Amino acid sequence: MYKGKKKWIFVVIILVIVGYYYFLNPYEQKDFFISCPFYKITGYQCPGCGSQRAFHELLHFHFLEALKQNELFLLAIPYFLIVFYTSFNKEKYQKLRQFLLGDKTLLILLIFIILFGIIRNL
């Protein structure tokens, strides 16, 4: 498939997802959103619980409410944006990508995510 066409398909998919979360409210229209199986089974919030609500609040510029829903979601945004941005020119950002996606960094992120999941349920 033509490389430019792939980018436009990706852009359209992102716009559809953003529109979905902008116009539908996860607080009121729970049937249209994925519920957390971990929370349903255990009653504890996983590290991702509240991310959909946080994304909805973020799209409406309610930053403090988004932070209340899931702090980790907001903290992860810069990391993923940098990884996404550097993916377009991998040769230029090779060392940065090796650091961001290296084994040590991913292990630290995994430990941080697990600790966040434990601490938010205390």
PDB file of N, CA and C in Angstrom:
ATOM      1  N   MET A   1       0.847  -1.180   0.000  1.00  0.00           N
ATOM      2  CA  MET A   1       0.000   0.000   0.000  1.00  0.00           C
ATOM      3  C   MET A   1       0.886   1.234   0.000  1.00  0.00           C
ATOM      4  N   TYR A   2       0.461   2.251  -0.669  1.00  0.00           N
ATOM      5  CA  TYR A   2       1.193   3.501  -0.769  1.00  0.00           C
ATOM      6  C   TYR A   2       1.377   4.106   0.624  1.00  0.00           C
ATOM      7  N   LYS A   3       2.605   4.561   0.935  1.00  0.00           N
ATOM      8  CA  LYS A   3       2.951   5.043   2.274  1.00  0.00           C
ATOM      9  C   LYS A   3       2.104   6.244   2.699  1.00  0.00           C
ATOM     10  N   GLY A   4       1.850   7.183   1.791  1.00  0.00           N
ATOM     11  CA  GLY A   4       1.037   8.353   2.108  1.00  0.00           C
ATOM     12  C   GLY A   4      -0.404   7.976   2.416  1.00  0.00           C
ATOM     13  N   LYS A   5      -0.891   6.958   1.738  1.00  0.00           N
ATOM     14  CA  LYS A   5      -2.256   6.500   1.956  1.00  0.00           C
ATOM     15  C   LYS A   5      -2.395   5.881   3.358  1.00  0.00           C
ATOM     16  N   LYS A   6      -1.369   5.166   3.804  1.00  0.00           N
ATOM     17  CA  LYS A   6      -1.378   4.587   5.142  1.00  0.00           C
ATOM     18  C   LYS A   6      -1.463   5.679   6.207  1.00  0.00           C
ATOM     19  N   LYS A   7      -0.730   6.763   6.001  1.00  0.00           N
ATOM     20  CA  LYS A   7      -0.753   7.859   6.967  1.00  0.00           C
ATOM     21  C   LYS A   7      -2.148   8.467   7.057  1.00  0.00           C
ATOM     22  N   TRP A   8      -2.813   8.633   5.928  1.00  0.00           N
ATOM     23  CA  TRP A   8      -4.157   9.219   5.944  1.00  0.00           C
ATOM     24  C   TRP A   8      -5.162   8.293   6.600  1.00  0.00           C
ATOM     25  N   ILE A   9      -5.019   7.007   6.391  1.00  0.00           N
ATOM     26  CA  ILE A   9      -5.895   6.044   7.065  1.00  0.00           C
ATOM     27  C   ILE A   9      -5.684   6.137   8.572  1.00  0.00           C
ATOM     28  N   PHE A  10      -4.438   6.240   8.992  1.00  0.00           N
ATOM     29  CA  PHE A  10      -4.109   6.382  10.405  1.00  0.00           C
ATOM     30  C   PHE A  10      -4.721   7.666  10.977  1.00  0.00           C
ATOM     31  N   VAL A  11      -4.601   8.753  10.247  1.00  0.00           N
ATOM     32  CA  VAL A  11      -5.162  10.041  10.684  1.00  0.00           C
ATOM     33  C   VAL A  11      -6.676   9.938  10.840  1.00  0.00           C
ATOM     34  N   VAL A  12      -7.339   9.319   9.889  1.00  0.00           N
ATOM     35  CA  VAL A  12      -8.797   9.159   9.954  1.00  0.00           C
ATOM     36  C   VAL A  12      -9.191   8.323  11.170  1.00  0.00           C
ATOM     37  N   ILE A  13      -8.467   7.246  11.424  1.00  0.00           N
ATOM     38  CA  ILE A  13      -8.765   6.396  12.583  1.00  0.00           C
ATOM     39  C   ILE A  13      -8.610   7.189  13.876  1.00  0.00           C
ATOM     40  N   ILE A  14      -7.542   7.956  13.985  1.00  0.00           N
ATOM     41  CA  ILE A  14      -7.316   8.783  15.181  1.00  0.00           C
ATOM     42  C   ILE A  14      -8.437   9.799  15.344  1.00  0.00           C
ATOM     43  N   LEU A  15      -8.843  10.452  14.250  1.00  0.00           N
ATOM     44  CA  LEU A  15      -9.925  11.437  14.332  1.00  0.00           C
ATOM     45  C   LEU A  15     -11.250  10.801  14.747  1.00  0.00           C
ATOM     46  N   VAL A  16     -11.526   9.608  14.280  1.00  0.00           N
ATOM     47  CA  VAL A  16     -12.753   8.901  14.667  1.00  0.00           C
ATOM     48  C   VAL A  16     -12.711   8.582  16.169  1.00  0.00           C
ATOM     49  N   ILE A  17     -11.578   8.112  16.653  1.00  0.00           N
ATOM     50  CA  ILE A  17     -11.445   7.788  18.077  1.00  0.00           C
ATOM     51  C   ILE A  17     -11.587   9.046  18.933  1.00  0.00           C
ATOM     52  N   VAL A  18     -10.920  10.116  18.536  1.00  0.00           N
ATOM     53  CA  VAL A  18     -11.013  11.370  19.281  1.00  0.00           C
ATOM     54  C   VAL A  18     -12.450  11.886  19.278  1.00  0.00           C
ATOM     55  N   GLY A  19     -13.103  11.834  18.130  1.00  0.00           N
ATOM     56  CA  GLY A  19     -14.502  12.262  18.048  1.00  0.00           C
ATOM     57  C   GLY A  19     -15.400  11.421  18.935  1.00  0.00           C
ATOM     58  N   TYR A  20     -15.176  10.138  18.952  1.00  0.00           N
ATOM     59  CA  TYR A  20     -15.958   9.221  19.787  1.00  0.00           C
ATOM     60  C   TYR A  20     -15.850   9.625  21.249  1.00  0.00           C
ATOM     61  N   TYR A  21     -14.626   9.856  21.719  1.00  0.00           N
ATOM     62  CA  TYR A  21     -14.427  10.219  23.122  1.00  0.00           C
ATOM     63  C   TYR A  21     -14.822  11.663  23.406  1.00  0.00           C
ATOM     64  N   TYR A  22     -14.836  12.502  22.409  1.00  0.00           N
ATOM     65  CA  TYR A  22     -15.244  13.885  22.636  1.00  0.00           C
ATOM     66  C   TYR A  22     -16.766  13.992  22.779  1.00  0.00           C
ATOM     67  N   PHE A  23     -17.492  13.333  21.892  1.00  0.00           N
ATOM     68  CA  PHE A  23     -18.943  13.498  21.854  1.00  0.00           C
ATOM     69  C   PHE A  23     -19.707  12.542  22.773  1.00  0.00           C
ATOM     70  N   LEU A  24     -19.128  11.400  23.087  1.00  0.00           N
ATOM     71  CA  LEU A  24     -19.792  10.472  24.003  1.00  0.00           C
ATOM     72  C   LEU A  24     -19.175  10.620  25.394  1.00  0.00           C
ATOM     73  N   ASN A  25     -20.024  10.618  26.399  1.00  0.00           N
ATOM     74  CA  ASN A  25     -19.573  10.836  27.764  1.00  0.00           C
ATOM     75  C   ASN A  25     -19.500   9.500  28.504  1.00  0.00           C
ATOM     76  N   PRO A  26     -18.305   9.067  28.920  1.00  0.00           N
ATOM     77  CA  PRO A  26     -18.175   7.780  29.603  1.00  0.00           C
ATOM     78  C   PRO A  26     -18.901   7.729  30.946  1.00  0.00           C
ATOM     79  N   TYR A  27     -19.201   8.877  31.532  1.00  0.00           N
ATOM     80  CA  TYR A  27     -19.945   8.908  32.791  1.00  0.00           C
ATOM     81  C   TYR A  27     -21.409   8.531  32.573  1.00  0.00           C
ATOM     82  N   GLU A  28     -21.969   8.981  31.471  1.00  0.00           N
ATOM     83  CA  GLU A  28     -23.401   8.821  31.224  1.00  0.00           C
ATOM     84  C   GLU A  28     -23.723   7.659  30.281  1.00  0.00           C
ATOM     85  N   GLN A  29     -22.900   7.426  29.304  1.00  0.00           N
ATOM     86  CA  GLN A  29     -23.166   6.408  28.282  1.00  0.00           C
ATOM     87  C   GLN A  29     -22.233   5.223  28.457  1.00  0.00           C
ATOM     88  N   LYS A  30     -22.357   4.560  29.587  1.00  0.00           N
ATOM     89  CA  LYS A  30     -21.442   3.474  29.941  1.00  0.00           C
ATOM     90  C   LYS A  30     -21.517   2.293  28.990  1.00  0.00           C
ATOM     91  N   ASP A  31     -22.650   2.108  28.319  1.00  0.00           N
ATOM     92  CA  ASP A  31     -22.799   0.978  27.404  1.00  0.00           C
ATOM     93  C   ASP A  31     -21.930   1.104  26.159  1.00  0.00           C
ATOM     94  N   PHE A  32     -21.473   2.313  25.852  1.00  0.00           N
ATOM     95  CA  PHE A  32     -20.678   2.544  24.655  1.00  0.00           C
ATOM     96  C   PHE A  32     -19.172   2.465  24.915  1.00  0.00           C
ATOM     97  N   PHE A  33     -18.787   2.159  26.141  1.00  0.00           N
ATOM     98  CA  PHE A  33     -17.374   2.137  26.504  1.00  0.00           C
ATOM     99  C   PHE A  33     -17.008   0.788  27.119  1.00  0.00           C
ATOM    100  N   ILE A  34     -15.754   0.431  26.984  1.00  0.00           N
ATOM    101  CA  ILE A  34     -15.249  -0.827  27.508  1.00  0.00           C
ATOM    102  C   ILE A  34     -15.110  -0.699  29.022  1.00  0.00           C
ATOM    103  N   SER A  35     -15.624  -1.668  29.749  1.00  0.00           N
ATOM    104  CA  SER A  35     -15.434  -1.664  31.198  1.00  0.00           C
ATOM    105  C   SER A  35     -14.246  -2.566  31.545  1.00  0.00           C
ATOM    106  N   CYS A  36     -13.667  -2.292  32.679  1.00  0.00           N
ATOM    107  CA  CYS A  36     -12.449  -2.998  33.084  1.00  0.00           C
ATOM    108  C   CYS A  36     -12.792  -4.370  33.663  1.00  0.00           C
ATOM    109  N   PRO A  37     -12.312  -5.449  33.045  1.00  0.00           N
ATOM    110  CA  PRO A  37     -12.589  -6.785  33.588  1.00  0.00           C
ATOM    111  C   PRO A  37     -11.894  -7.012  34.933  1.00  0.00           C
ATOM    112  N   PHE A  38     -10.732  -6.427  35.127  1.00  0.00           N
ATOM    113  CA  PHE A  38     -10.014  -6.566  36.395  1.00  0.00           C
ATOM    114  C   PHE A  38     -10.838  -5.970  37.531  1.00  0.00           C
ATOM    115  N   TYR A  39     -11.423  -4.794  37.293  1.00  0.00           N
ATOM    116  CA  TYR A  39     -12.248  -4.135  38.304  1.00  0.00           C
ATOM    117  C   TYR A  39     -13.522  -4.934  38.570  1.00  0.00           C
ATOM    118  N   LYS A  40     -14.122  -5.475  37.499  1.00  0.00           N
ATOM    119  CA  LYS A  40     -15.348  -6.265  37.664  1.00  0.00           C
ATOM    120  C   LYS A  40     -15.109  -7.524  38.497  1.00  0.00           C
ATOM    121  N   ILE A  41     -13.957  -8.144  38.301  1.00  0.00           N
ATOM    122  CA  ILE A  41     -13.657  -9.395  39.002  1.00  0.00           C
ATOM    123  C   ILE A  41     -13.190  -9.137  40.434  1.00  0.00           C
ATOM    124  N   THR A  42     -12.289  -8.169  40.614  1.00  0.00           N
ATOM    125  CA  THR A  42     -11.646  -7.988  41.920  1.00  0.00           C
ATOM    126  C   THR A  42     -12.219  -6.840  42.744  1.00  0.00           C
ATOM    127  N   GLY A  43     -12.785  -5.835  42.083  1.00  0.00           N
ATOM    128  CA  GLY A  43     -13.232  -4.641  42.797  1.00  0.00           C
ATOM    129  C   GLY A  43     -12.114  -3.631  43.008  1.00  0.00           C
ATOM    130  N   TYR A  44     -10.926  -3.960  42.519  1.00  0.00           N
ATOM    131  CA  TYR A  44      -9.783  -3.045  42.601  1.00  0.00           C
ATOM    132  C   TYR A  44      -9.557  -2.386  41.255  1.00  0.00           C
ATOM    133  N   GLN A  45      -9.075  -1.149  41.297  1.00  0.00           N
ATOM    134  CA  GLN A  45      -8.785  -0.444  40.052  1.00  0.00           C
ATOM    135  C   GLN A  45      -7.428  -0.871  39.506  1.00  0.00           C
ATOM    136  N   CYS A  46      -7.393  -1.172  38.220  1.00  0.00           N
ATOM    137  CA  CYS A  46      -6.115  -1.481  37.575  1.00  0.00           C
ATOM    138  C   CYS A  46      -5.424  -0.149  37.238  1.00  0.00           C
ATOM    139  N   PRO A  47      -4.171  -0.166  36.812  1.00  0.00           N
ATOM    140  CA  PRO A  47      -3.493   1.086  36.469  1.00  0.00           C
ATOM    141  C   PRO A  47      -4.166   1.854  35.340  1.00  0.00           C
ATOM    142  N   GLY A  48      -4.970   1.189  34.514  1.00  0.00           N
ATOM    143  CA  GLY A  48      -5.629   1.868  33.400  1.00  0.00           C
ATOM    144  C   GLY A  48      -7.028   2.359  33.704  1.00  0.00           C
ATOM    145  N   CYS A  49      -7.583   1.964  34.843  1.00  0.00           N
ATOM    146  CA  CYS A  49      -8.947   2.389  35.185  1.00  0.00           C
ATOM    147  C   CYS A  49      -9.032   3.910  35.235  1.00  0.00           C
ATOM    148  N   GLY A  50     -10.036   4.433  34.594  1.00  0.00           N
ATOM    149  CA  GLY A  50     -10.245   5.877  34.552  1.00  0.00           C
ATOM    150  C   GLY A  50      -9.622   6.542  33.341  1.00  0.00           C
ATOM    151  N   SER A  51      -8.897   5.794  32.526  1.00  0.00           N
ATOM    152  CA  SER A  51      -8.231   6.383  31.361  1.00  0.00           C
ATOM    153  C   SER A  51      -9.227   6.915  30.339  1.00  0.00           C
ATOM    154  N   GLN A  52     -10.313   6.196  30.141  1.00  0.00           N
ATOM    155  CA  GLN A  52     -11.319   6.666  29.173  1.00  0.00           C
ATOM    156  C   GLN A  52     -11.961   7.960  29.662  1.00  0.00           C
ATOM    157  N   ARG A  53     -12.285   8.019  30.953  1.00  0.00           N
ATOM    158  CA  ARG A  53     -12.856   9.238  31.508  1.00  0.00           C
ATOM    159  C   ARG A  53     -11.832  10.368  31.482  1.00  0.00           C
ATOM    160  N   ALA A  54     -10.570  10.049  31.773  1.00  0.00           N
ATOM    161  CA  ALA A  54      -9.513  11.061  31.742  1.00  0.00           C
ATOM    162  C   ALA A  54      -9.334  11.607  30.330  1.00  0.00           C
ATOM    163  N   PHE A  55      -9.379  10.742  29.334  1.00  0.00           N
ATOM    164  CA  PHE A  55      -9.241  11.187  27.947  1.00  0.00           C
ATOM    165  C   PHE A  55     -10.407  12.095  27.557  1.00  0.00           C
ATOM    166  N   HIS A  56     -11.611  11.720  27.961  1.00  0.00           N
ATOM    167  CA  HIS A  56     -12.790  12.552  27.697  1.00  0.00           C
ATOM    168  C   HIS A  56     -12.625  13.934  28.341  1.00  0.00           C
ATOM    169  N   GLU A  57     -12.200  13.961  29.591  1.00  0.00           N
ATOM    170  CA  GLU A  57     -12.004  15.231  30.294  1.00  0.00           C
ATOM    171  C   GLU A  57     -10.889  16.055  29.654  1.00  0.00           C
ATOM    172  N   LEU A  58      -9.845  15.404  29.227  1.00  0.00           N
ATOM    173  CA  LEU A  58      -8.731  16.091  28.581  1.00  0.00           C
ATOM    174  C   LEU A  58      -9.169  16.756  27.282  1.00  0.00           C
ATOM    175  N   LEU A  59      -9.996  16.073  26.516  1.00  0.00           N
ATOM    176  CA  LEU A  59     -10.499  16.641  25.259  1.00  0.00           C
ATOM    177  C   LEU A  59     -11.380  17.867  25.501  1.00  0.00           C
ATOM    178  N   HIS A  60     -11.950  17.963  26.692  1.00  0.00           N
ATOM    179  CA  HIS A  60     -12.780  19.116  27.040  1.00  0.00           C
ATOM    180  C   HIS A  60     -12.011  20.135  27.892  1.00  0.00           C
ATOM    181  N   PHE A  61     -10.695  19.979  27.963  1.00  0.00           N
ATOM    182  CA  PHE A  61      -9.786  20.878  28.680  1.00  0.00           C
ATOM    183  C   PHE A  61     -10.076  20.958  30.174  1.00  0.00           C
ATOM    184  N   HIS A  62     -10.558  19.869  30.750  1.00  0.00           N
ATOM    185  CA  HIS A  62     -10.758  19.764  32.195  1.00  0.00           C
ATOM    186  C   HIS A  62      -9.573  18.984  32.767  1.00  0.00           C
ATOM    187  N   PHE A  63      -8.444  19.663  32.872  1.00  0.00           N
ATOM    188  CA  PHE A  63      -7.191  18.994  33.223  1.00  0.00           C
ATOM    189  C   PHE A  63      -7.187  18.421  34.644  1.00  0.00           C
ATOM    190  N   LEU A  64      -7.726  19.172  35.596  1.00  0.00           N
ATOM    191  CA  LEU A  64      -7.736  18.669  36.971  1.00  0.00           C
ATOM    192  C   LEU A  64      -8.638  17.452  37.115  1.00  0.00           C
ATOM    193  N   GLU A  65      -9.774  17.453  36.449  1.00  0.00           N
ATOM    194  CA  GLU A  65     -10.667  16.301  36.501  1.00  0.00           C
ATOM    195  C   GLU A  65     -10.018  15.097  35.816  1.00  0.00           C
ATOM    196  N   ALA A  66      -9.307  15.344  34.730  1.00  0.00           N
ATOM    197  CA  ALA A  66      -8.589  14.260  34.054  1.00  0.00           C
ATOM    198  C   ALA A  66      -7.519  13.686  34.977  1.00  0.00           C
ATOM    199  N   LEU A  67      -6.846  14.550  35.689  1.00  0.00           N
ATOM    200  CA  LEU A  67      -5.815  14.112  36.634  1.00  0.00           C
ATOM    201  C   LEU A  67      -6.427  13.271  37.753  1.00  0.00           C
ATOM    202  N   LYS A  68      -7.609  13.640  38.214  1.00  0.00           N
ATOM    203  CA  LYS A  68      -8.291  12.878  39.267  1.00  0.00           C
ATOM    204  C   LYS A  68      -8.702  11.493  38.777  1.00  0.00           C
ATOM    205  N   GLN A  69      -9.046  11.379  37.508  1.00  0.00           N
ATOM    206  CA  GLN A  69      -9.501  10.097  36.972  1.00  0.00           C
ATOM    207  C   GLN A  69      -8.362   9.090  36.850  1.00  0.00           C
ATOM    208  N   ASN A  70      -7.223   9.542  36.329  1.00  0.00           N
ATOM    209  CA  ASN A  70      -6.073   8.644  36.194  1.00  0.00           C
ATOM    210  C   ASN A  70      -4.814   9.477  35.978  1.00  0.00           C
ATOM    211  N   GLU A  71      -4.031   9.597  37.032  1.00  0.00           N
ATOM    212  CA  GLU A  71      -2.799  10.390  36.974  1.00  0.00           C
ATOM    213  C   GLU A  71      -1.796   9.793  35.999  1.00  0.00           C
ATOM    214  N   LEU A  72      -1.720   8.468  35.988  1.00  0.00           N
ATOM    215  CA  LEU A  72      -0.756   7.788  35.129  1.00  0.00           C
ATOM    216  C   LEU A  72      -1.023   8.054  33.651  1.00  0.00           C
ATOM    217  N   PHE A  73      -2.284   8.136  33.281  1.00  0.00           N
ATOM    218  CA  PHE A  73      -2.654   8.416  31.893  1.00  0.00           C
ATOM    219  C   PHE A  73      -2.059   9.750  31.442  1.00  0.00           C
ATOM    220  N   LEU A  74      -2.204  10.781  32.267  1.00  0.00           N
ATOM    221  CA  LEU A  74      -1.670  12.085  31.901  1.00  0.00           C
ATOM    222  C   LEU A  74      -0.152  12.102  31.884  1.00  0.00           C
ATOM    223  N   LEU A  75       0.463  11.376  32.813  1.00  0.00           N
ATOM    224  CA  LEU A  75       1.925  11.314  32.846  1.00  0.00           C
ATOM    225  C   LEU A  75       2.489  10.542  31.650  1.00  0.00           C
ATOM    226  N   ALA A  76       1.721   9.598  31.129  1.00  0.00           N
ATOM    227  CA  ALA A  76       2.192   8.770  30.017  1.00  0.00           C
ATOM    228  C   ALA A  76       2.095   9.471  28.669  1.00  0.00           C
ATOM    229  N   ILE A  77       1.269  10.478  28.561  1.00  0.00           N
ATOM    230  CA  ILE A  77       1.059  11.153  27.274  1.00  0.00           C
ATOM    231  C   ILE A  77       2.361  11.693  26.679  1.00  0.00           C
ATOM    232  N   PRO A  78       3.181  12.441  27.422  1.00  0.00           N
ATOM    233  CA  PRO A  78       4.431  12.936  26.821  1.00  0.00           C
ATOM    234  C   PRO A  78       5.347  11.816  26.332  1.00  0.00           C
ATOM    235  N   TYR A  79       5.429  10.741  27.114  1.00  0.00           N
ATOM    236  CA  TYR A  79       6.267   9.603  26.714  1.00  0.00           C
ATOM    237  C   TYR A  79       5.805   9.047  25.369  1.00  0.00           C
ATOM    238  N   PHE A  80       4.510   8.777  25.248  1.00  0.00           N
ATOM    239  CA  PHE A  80       3.998   8.198  24.005  1.00  0.00           C
ATOM    240  C   PHE A  80       4.070   9.174  22.837  1.00  0.00           C
ATOM    241  N   LEU A  81       3.906  10.455  23.092  1.00  0.00           N
ATOM    242  CA  LEU A  81       4.035  11.445  22.018  1.00  0.00           C
ATOM    243  C   LEU A  81       5.469  11.487  21.483  1.00  0.00           C
ATOM    244  N   ILE A  82       6.435  11.403  22.381  1.00  0.00           N
ATOM    245  CA  ILE A  82       7.842  11.407  21.942  1.00  0.00           C
ATOM    246  C   ILE A  82       8.147  10.137  21.153  1.00  0.00           C
ATOM    247  N   VAL A  83       7.694   8.991  21.645  1.00  0.00           N
ATOM    248  CA  VAL A  83       7.916   7.737  20.916  1.00  0.00           C
ATOM    249  C   VAL A  83       7.250   7.809  19.544  1.00  0.00           C
ATOM    250  N   PHE A  84       6.042   8.323  19.494  1.00  0.00           N
ATOM    251  CA  PHE A  84       5.311   8.455  18.225  1.00  0.00           C
ATOM    252  C   PHE A  84       6.045   9.403  17.269  1.00  0.00           C
ATOM    253  N   TYR A  85       6.471  10.567  17.780  1.00  0.00           N
ATOM    254  CA  TYR A  85       7.158  11.548  16.942  1.00  0.00           C
ATOM    255  C   TYR A  85       8.472  10.993  16.388  1.00  0.00           C
ATOM    256  N   THR A  86       9.227  10.306  17.230  1.00  0.00           N
ATOM    257  CA  THR A  86      10.526   9.789  16.778  1.00  0.00           C
ATOM    258  C   THR A  86      10.375   8.601  15.826  1.00  0.00           C
ATOM    259  N   SER A  87       9.199   8.019  15.763  1.00  0.00           N
ATOM    260  CA  SER A  87       9.008   6.871  14.865  1.00  0.00           C
ATOM    261  C   SER A  87       8.988   7.290  13.398  1.00  0.00           C
ATOM    262  N   PHE A  88       8.777   8.577  13.131  1.00  0.00           N
ATOM    263  CA  PHE A  88       8.755   9.045  11.743  1.00  0.00           C
ATOM    264  C   PHE A  88      10.147   9.246  11.167  1.00  0.00           C
ATOM    265  N   ASN A  89      11.142   9.381  12.022  1.00  0.00           N
ATOM    266  CA  ASN A  89      12.512   9.530  11.554  1.00  0.00           C
ATOM    267  C   ASN A  89      13.422   8.736  12.481  1.00  0.00           C
ATOM    268  N   LYS A  90      13.340   7.415  12.358  1.00  0.00           N
ATOM    269  CA  LYS A  90      14.032   6.517  13.284  1.00  0.00           C
ATOM    270  C   LYS A  90      15.546   6.675  13.244  1.00  0.00           C
ATOM    271  N   GLU A  91      16.096   6.969  12.076  1.00  0.00           N
ATOM    272  CA  GLU A  91      17.548   7.099  11.965  1.00  0.00           C
ATOM    273  C   GLU A  91      18.032   8.326  12.733  1.00  0.00           C
ATOM    274  N   LYS A  92      17.318   9.421  12.619  1.00  0.00           N
ATOM    275  CA  LYS A  92      17.720  10.669  13.270  1.00  0.00           C
ATOM    276  C   LYS A  92      17.636  10.550  14.788  1.00  0.00           C
ATOM    277  N   TYR A  93      16.635   9.839  15.284  1.00  0.00           N
ATOM    278  CA  TYR A  93      16.398   9.727  16.722  1.00  0.00           C
ATOM    279  C   TYR A  93      16.719   8.334  17.259  1.00  0.00           C
ATOM    280  N   GLN A  94      17.669   7.680  16.638  1.00  0.00           N
ATOM    281  CA  GLN A  94      17.976   6.296  16.988  1.00  0.00           C
ATOM    282  C   GLN A  94      18.370   6.135  18.460  1.00  0.00           C
ATOM    283  N   LYS A  95      19.245   6.999  18.964  1.00  0.00           N
ATOM    284  CA  LYS A  95      19.693   6.873  20.355  1.00  0.00           C
ATOM    285  C   LYS A  95      18.562   7.167  21.333  1.00  0.00           C
ATOM    286  N   LEU A  96      17.770   8.175  21.038  1.00  0.00           N
ATOM    287  CA  LEU A  96      16.634   8.496  21.903  1.00  0.00           C
ATOM    288  C   LEU A  96      15.637   7.343  21.928  1.00  0.00           C
ATOM    289  N   ARG A  97      15.374   6.759  20.771  1.00  0.00           N
ATOM    290  CA  ARG A  97      14.445   5.626  20.701  1.00  0.00           C
ATOM    291  C   ARG A  97      15.014   4.411  21.430  1.00  0.00           C
ATOM    292  N   GLN A  98      16.317   4.192  21.325  1.00  0.00           N
ATOM    293  CA  GLN A  98      16.928   3.073  22.049  1.00  0.00           C
ATOM    294  C   GLN A  98      16.765   3.266  23.554  1.00  0.00           C
ATOM    295  N   PHE A  99      16.882   4.515  24.012  1.00  0.00           N
ATOM    296  CA  PHE A  99      16.697   4.802  25.427  1.00  0.00           C
ATOM    297  C   PHE A  99      15.231   4.619  25.829  1.00  0.00           C
ATOM    298  N   LEU A 100      14.313   5.205  25.065  1.00  0.00           N
ATOM    299  CA  LEU A 100      12.890   5.166  25.408  1.00  0.00           C
ATOM    300  C   LEU A 100      12.295   3.764  25.318  1.00  0.00           C
ATOM    301  N   LEU A 101      12.810   2.942  24.408  1.00  0.00           N
ATOM    302  CA  LEU A 101      12.257   1.613  24.189  1.00  0.00           C
ATOM    303  C   LEU A 101      13.210   0.499  24.615  1.00  0.00           C
ATOM    304  N   GLY A 102      14.255   0.876  25.327  1.00  0.00           N
ATOM    305  CA  GLY A 102      15.232  -0.112  25.783  1.00  0.00           C
ATOM    306  C   GLY A 102      14.688  -0.970  26.916  1.00  0.00           C
ATOM    307  N   ASP A 103      15.354  -2.085  27.142  1.00  0.00           N
ATOM    308  CA  ASP A 103      14.918  -3.043  28.158  1.00  0.00           C
ATOM    309  C   ASP A 103      14.851  -2.417  29.556  1.00  0.00           C
ATOM    310  N   LYS A 104      15.870  -1.643  29.917  1.00  0.00           N
ATOM    311  CA  LYS A 104      15.904  -1.037  31.253  1.00  0.00           C
ATOM    312  C   LYS A 104      14.762  -0.044  31.433  1.00  0.00           C
ATOM    313  N   THR A 105      14.531   0.795  30.442  1.00  0.00           N
ATOM    314  CA  THR A 105      13.455   1.777  30.530  1.00  0.00           C
ATOM    315  C   THR A 105      12.099   1.098  30.620  1.00  0.00           C
ATOM    316  N   LEU A 106      11.880   0.084  29.800  1.00  0.00           N
ATOM    317  CA  LEU A 106      10.599  -0.621  29.829  1.00  0.00           C
ATOM    318  C   LEU A 106      10.397  -1.358  31.153  1.00  0.00           C
ATOM    319  N   LEU A 107      11.466  -1.891  31.731  1.00  0.00           N
ATOM    320  CA  LEU A 107      11.367  -2.538  33.034  1.00  0.00           C
ATOM    321  C   LEU A 107      11.005  -1.510  34.116  1.00  0.00           C
ATOM    322  N   ILE A 108      11.642  -0.359  34.080  1.00  0.00           N
ATOM    323  CA  ILE A 108      11.328   0.708  35.042  1.00  0.00           C
ATOM    324  C   ILE A 108       9.871   1.145  34.881  1.00  0.00           C
ATOM    325  N   LEU A 109       9.409   1.294  33.647  1.00  0.00           N
ATOM    326  CA  LEU A 109       8.016   1.670  33.403  1.00  0.00           C
ATOM    327  C   LEU A 109       7.054   0.605  33.925  1.00  0.00           C
ATOM    328  N   LEU A 110       7.376  -0.657  33.722  1.00  0.00           N
ATOM    329  CA  LEU A 110       6.535  -1.747  34.212  1.00  0.00           C
ATOM    330  C   LEU A 110       6.444  -1.718  35.739  1.00  0.00           C
ATOM    331  N   ILE A 111       7.571  -1.531  36.396  1.00  0.00           N
ATOM    332  CA  ILE A 111       7.584  -1.449  37.856  1.00  0.00           C
ATOM    333  C   ILE A 111       6.764  -0.251  38.323  1.00  0.00           C
ATOM    334  N   PHE A 112       6.914   0.875  37.654  1.00  0.00           N
ATOM    335  CA  PHE A 112       6.158   2.089  37.993  1.00  0.00           C
ATOM    336  C   PHE A 112       4.654   1.856  37.833  1.00  0.00           C
ATOM    337  N   ILE A 113       4.263   1.196  36.765  1.00  0.00           N
ATOM    338  CA  ILE A 113       2.844   0.909  36.514  1.00  0.00           C
ATOM    339  C   ILE A 113       2.287  -0.018  37.594  1.00  0.00           C
ATOM    340  N   ILE A 114       3.042  -1.043  37.957  1.00  0.00           N
ATOM    341  CA  ILE A 114       2.595  -1.973  39.008  1.00  0.00           C
ATOM    342  C   ILE A 114       2.463  -1.245  40.347  1.00  0.00           C
ATOM    343  N   LEU A 115       3.450  -0.426  40.681  1.00  0.00           N
ATOM    344  CA  LEU A 115       3.389   0.337  41.930  1.00  0.00           C
ATOM    345  C   LEU A 115       2.214   1.305  41.936  1.00  0.00           C
ATOM    346  N   PHE A 116       1.959   1.946  40.816  1.00  0.00           N
ATOM    347  CA  PHE A 116       0.813   2.846  40.704  1.00  0.00           C
ATOM    348  C   PHE A 116      -0.481   2.080  40.948  1.00  0.00           C
ATOM    349  N   GLY A 117      -0.595   0.908  40.367  1.00  0.00           N
ATOM    350  CA  GLY A 117      -1.791   0.089  40.550  1.00  0.00           C
ATOM    351  C   GLY A 117      -1.997  -0.325  41.998  1.00  0.00           C
ATOM    352  N   ILE A 118      -0.908  -0.607  42.705  1.00  0.00           N
ATOM    353  CA  ILE A 118      -1.004  -0.989  44.116  1.00  0.00           C
ATOM    354  C   ILE A 118      -1.373   0.219  44.969  1.00  0.00           C
ATOM    355  N   ILE A 119      -0.658   1.319  44.776  1.00  0.00           N
ATOM    356  CA  ILE A 119      -0.850   2.509  45.606  1.00  0.00           C
ATOM    357  C   ILE A 119      -2.234   3.114  45.437  1.00  0.00           C
ATOM    358  N   ARG A 120      -2.788   3.102  44.236  1.00  0.00           N
ATOM    359  CA  ARG A 120      -4.100   3.721  44.029  1.00  0.00           C
ATOM    360  C   ARG A 120      -5.216   2.941  44.696  1.00  0.00           C
ATOM    361  N   ASN A 121      -4.956   1.713  45.116  1.00  0.00           N
ATOM    362  CA  ASN A 121      -5.984   0.897  45.775  1.00  0.00           C
ATOM    363  C   ASN A 121      -5.805   0.815  47.298  1.00  0.00           C
ATOM    364  N   LEU A 122      -4.815   1.505  47.834  1.00  0.00           N
ATOM    365  CA  LEU A 122      -4.618   1.481  49.295  1.00  0.00           C
ATOM    366  C   LEU A 122      -5.658   2.320  49.997  1.00  0.00           C
TER     367      LEU A 122
END
